[in-house]
Amino acid sequence: MQDKAALKEQKIREYWQENDTFQASVRNREGKRSYVFYEGPPTANGMPHAGHALGRTIKDFIARYKTMDGYQVKRKAGWDTHGLPVELEVEKQLKISGKDQIETYGVERFIEKCKESVFRYEREWKQFTEALGYWVDMENPYITLENSYIESVWHILSHIHGEGLLYKGHRVVPYCPHCETSLSSHEVAQGYKDVSDLSATAKFLVEGTTDEYLLGWTTTPWTLPANVAIAVHPELNYVTVQQGNEKYIVAEELAKTLFKDDFQVVASCKGKDLAGVRYEAPFSYVQVNRGHQVVLADFVTDQSGTGLVHIAPAYGEDDYRVVQDNGLDFVHIVDGKGRYTEEITSLAGRFVKDCDVDIIKLLAERNRLFNKEKYTHSYPHCWRCDSPLLYYAMEGWFIRMTDVKEKMQENNRQVEWHPGHMQEGRFGKFLDNMVDWNIGRNRYWGTPLNVWTCKCGKEKAPGSIAELRQQAIGSVAENVELHKPYVDQIQLRCECGDVMERTSEVIDVWFDSGSMPFAQYHYPFGDKELFECQYPADVVIEGVDQTRGWFYSLLAVSTLMTGKAPYKRVLSLGHILDENGQKMSKSKGNALNPTELMETYGADALRWALLSDSAPWNNKRFSERTVAQAKSKMIDTLSNVFSFYQLYQQIDQFNGEMDSGGVRSTLDEWVLSRLHSVTKQVNDYLEQYDITNAARELGVFLDELSNWYVRRSRQRFWSSGMTDDKRAAFSTLYEVLKKTAQLLAPFTPYIAEDIYLQLTGSSVHLTDYPKPFSELINTQLEKDMTTVRQVVELTRAARNTAGIKTKQPLSTLYVTTEEAVNLVSYLTTIKEETNVKEIELDEKDGLFTYTAKLDFAAAGPRLGKRVGEAKTALSQVSQDQLKELLITGELRLAEDIKLTKEEVLIEKVPSNHLELSEGGGITVLLDTELTLELKEEGFVREAIREVQTYRKELDLPVEKRVNLYIDASSSILDVLKKQEEMLHQHLVVQSIFFEKHQETKVVQIEGEKLQLGIE
């Protein structure tokens, strides 16, 4: 069911559309300083979730605030349309799987299906974005599949190629056997999971022996059939141990771990002495001509395993390098789908990661298994399809990121990170370990890699459609589509006279995303001036998982292209978790649908919950209850305050723009001082991008406005005629509501707009963000009012403890505080709020006594055996001694026993009929003794409450004066007649008749029956 707030928000959206308010807010700042914002492109083939709600709320907040702060903030939407997620979705739709079936279906047909798929949920994304109030230009978005975007990406790649940084190499790379393509290191970093796997220690028979083995350890048993060498560290100590009838060579440091105490050392040597030792591999599926020998490698340690590492060159970077350095054979036994090739006869065609158990069984059958064990570790999975990755040595295209590593690090140091620890922490460490960017993907739907190669070894990388047409053999249309399979049909002429063919790969989709600062404006072919004023960004905002995604790719592409950082600051947002701290997911059933939340509670409530709950870079525990509380505490409170103002403004026809003035009360001066103090604090917070504390500051002020200023001012609005006091109340509340709407506009744009429109007739989002007027800030007044409110809260707490309702008057309140002298001017206020007759500010004797106990935890360690003696002595001290302890901080119990205030637990025990409450340096004592007069007055106040409730039930206008009829027992009527003046003071009545009316409502007050009639 749609909430009233959601319906109001819909009307505000219609107003924005009719008046083109978003574009007007951008146009109004023409010629002003630019604040540059980049939108990270979402993929529209999936539905928006709670994490998107957080990201889009923060982005919209920053853009709205900076616009109101005087900047021009252009906001161009974008769509990420390429890549494997799209291909996988299309495969599901077509009920096909893998590259073979795509080829059978037809690449061109498949590409067309991908195009159709990418905007599957575009309507839902637009509706979600608009409902959230996120102002971004969705009519003119950048789209990564369009020729203009791809042409800019080609320009960048051509530049990188021209610098000699784009190369084809043979390397071990992470590979997804399901997607049948390699990944880059930053993609791998996004997909780690904790899994249980088997490790194996295999026996490699030393050549020329029948009982001596090298013990080689591996965490990937499936690679053992591809063994080429065993690696040892040249400087480690190794031993040959005898156990039973067999001898084993292991690192000396690990011998006890491997064999316990049941072994004998028969020889020892350094690792370098083992170099060249030949052995018989556990499996003989593959013929190895140069290999099956011990080699030296610095990466080997004696911290785990055996100190000897099994080497399979195709499946590990270290393995590959060792085999290359030693001139050994290269062996590859796994196909493109991650299955054993035909050579591995007993396991051919099976997925290798499923074969660890089989390999271990085969080792055991051959007497080549020494040990196996399960272990839990973090293993990379494909971020797109969730399959476990393998490491393959294969040919691919790479960008030499290692050549620009220092420049990347230097650029990162110029960036302002929120939170700050990301700069040198998560992001900085990733840059420290940066490797060359594996840019090519052996897939279909993506930006084609614009490199054409010739058999002679030459390469060309056209950087534009014009260059492509100029270099092509035959004619190429100006509007040629820059996708597979169309560009694959274009051939270029090589200088050697031969034909050049395009390399078959598409590029890593993250390169598309990282190119957006340039490609969104079709740089360098489009409006260069527009690009230059929109580069670099003042801010980029995305989730923490984009540390190794968009944040990295933006910095990488920009550093490669211009040598500069593409952004000045990064806001890295935490994850949205459920209320139990679990990551939200549809499969777990704990995912929140942001659209449904907005329909139920309104977008403002969702936004406020996200902005005020905790710092945006912290992981958030989030639930529907969080949004419901935001609506109740903030949105409804503000709405009620405005409704109160509006109700009386209409009755008195007050015009906020014209009818200013009146004589301000202390309460008016206080609320205006608070308004401007809060304005200053909010501005200070927002300059530091501390959105959460700014929101909380406003939340506190809103509570003060509603529960103190408006509540304390109610009777001023009820009074007849437009007095100077009433005019001041109106003009003050008008000013506060107007400024509060402006302060809240970036946080809760709908209710802020609604209030401001009704107050002024114009849009709040076209105004300047409020700045504080220091002359209206009265620090002492605010401090005094804080003390007053603390006294009131402590007194209410004392009433609650005593079980006495607020409407029951009490005789005396005793208040002790260092600020007592400042309370004299506010005694009437405190009396009204606490419903007491008298307030005593001077501390009187006999109100309470002190009791003291020894704090054993604090005093015990110092006093030792004398703690018992101190306890006894403390129980005998006088009240004067305890007062002295509180003043001086010390108490001497004996010549050589002294206690400090921190070692004594002191409590105040109130005298009879007094209830004590204290906090913040204030002590209140409430006299709870009830006289007959006090009870009668309490009864009358309850009667007033019942009459007011009856008026609401009859839906009477608040200003309507009525005739009130009250009938009760004679004793009760006597009480009511005695307090008739109070009844007139607190009720909007013309006359009061103490008699029965023909239509009555019967109520019970303290067991007494009253019949109420209103006409």
Foldseek 3Di string as FASTA:
>chain_A
DFDPQLVLLVVVLVVCVVVVVLVCLLVLLVPWAAFFEEDQAEFQLDADFLQVLLQLLLSLLLQLQVSLQRHRYAAAYEHQQFDDLLLVVLCVVVVHFDDVVCVVVPLVVSQVSSVVNRNPRVVNVVVLCVQLVRDHPPVQHHYLQAQLLLLLLLLLLQLLVVVVQKDKDWAWFKAALRHLKGAWPLQLVLFKDKDKAKKFFWWWAFPPDDAETETAIDRQLLLLQQFFEKEAAQAFKWFWKDAPRHIYIFGPVCVCVQPPPRIGTDDMDGLNVQFFGATHGLDDLDDWDFGRGYDYDNVFDRPDDGRMHTAQLFFDRRSVVRCVVVVTDHDDQADSNQAGDCSVPVGGPDRSRVCSVVSQVSSVVSVTTSDMDMDIDIFGARPNPRHGITIGGGIAMWGAVVVCLVLLLVQLVQAAEVVRCCSCPVLVVCSVPDGITRWWILDFTAQAQQWWADPVGDIHRDSRLVSQQVFWDDGDDPSQRRGPPRQQVTWGADPVRDITGGDNTHTDSLLSSLSCLASRQSPPVGDVVVSVSNFQHQEYEREQSCSSGNLVSVSSSCCSRPSHRSYRYYYHFYAEAAQVRHHDDVVVVRTDHVVVLCSHQNSLLSLLLSQAVDFRRYHHHDDSVSSVVSSVQPVVLLVVLLVLLVQLCVVQVDALVPLAAFDEDLLLLLLLQLLQVLLAVLVVCVVVVNRNVNSVSLSVSSCCCRVPSCVVCVVLSLDPDCHSHVNNSSNSSLVSLLLSLLSCCSRRVSVSQVSNCVNPVDGSSSHHRDHHDVVSHDPVSNVLVVVLVVLLVQLVVLCVVVVHDQLQAAEEKEKEFPCLVSCPVVQVVSCVSSRYNYYHDDDDPQFWAKDKAFQCVVCVVPCPPCPVVVRVLSRPDDRVQVVVLVVVQKGDSDPPDIDGPVGMDMDIGGDPQWGWGDDPRMIMITRNDDDPLSVLSSQLSVVLVVVVVVCVVVVHRQNDAKEKEKEWDPVNVVSCVVCVVVSVSRHRYDYYHDDDDPDWDWDADPNTIMTMDID
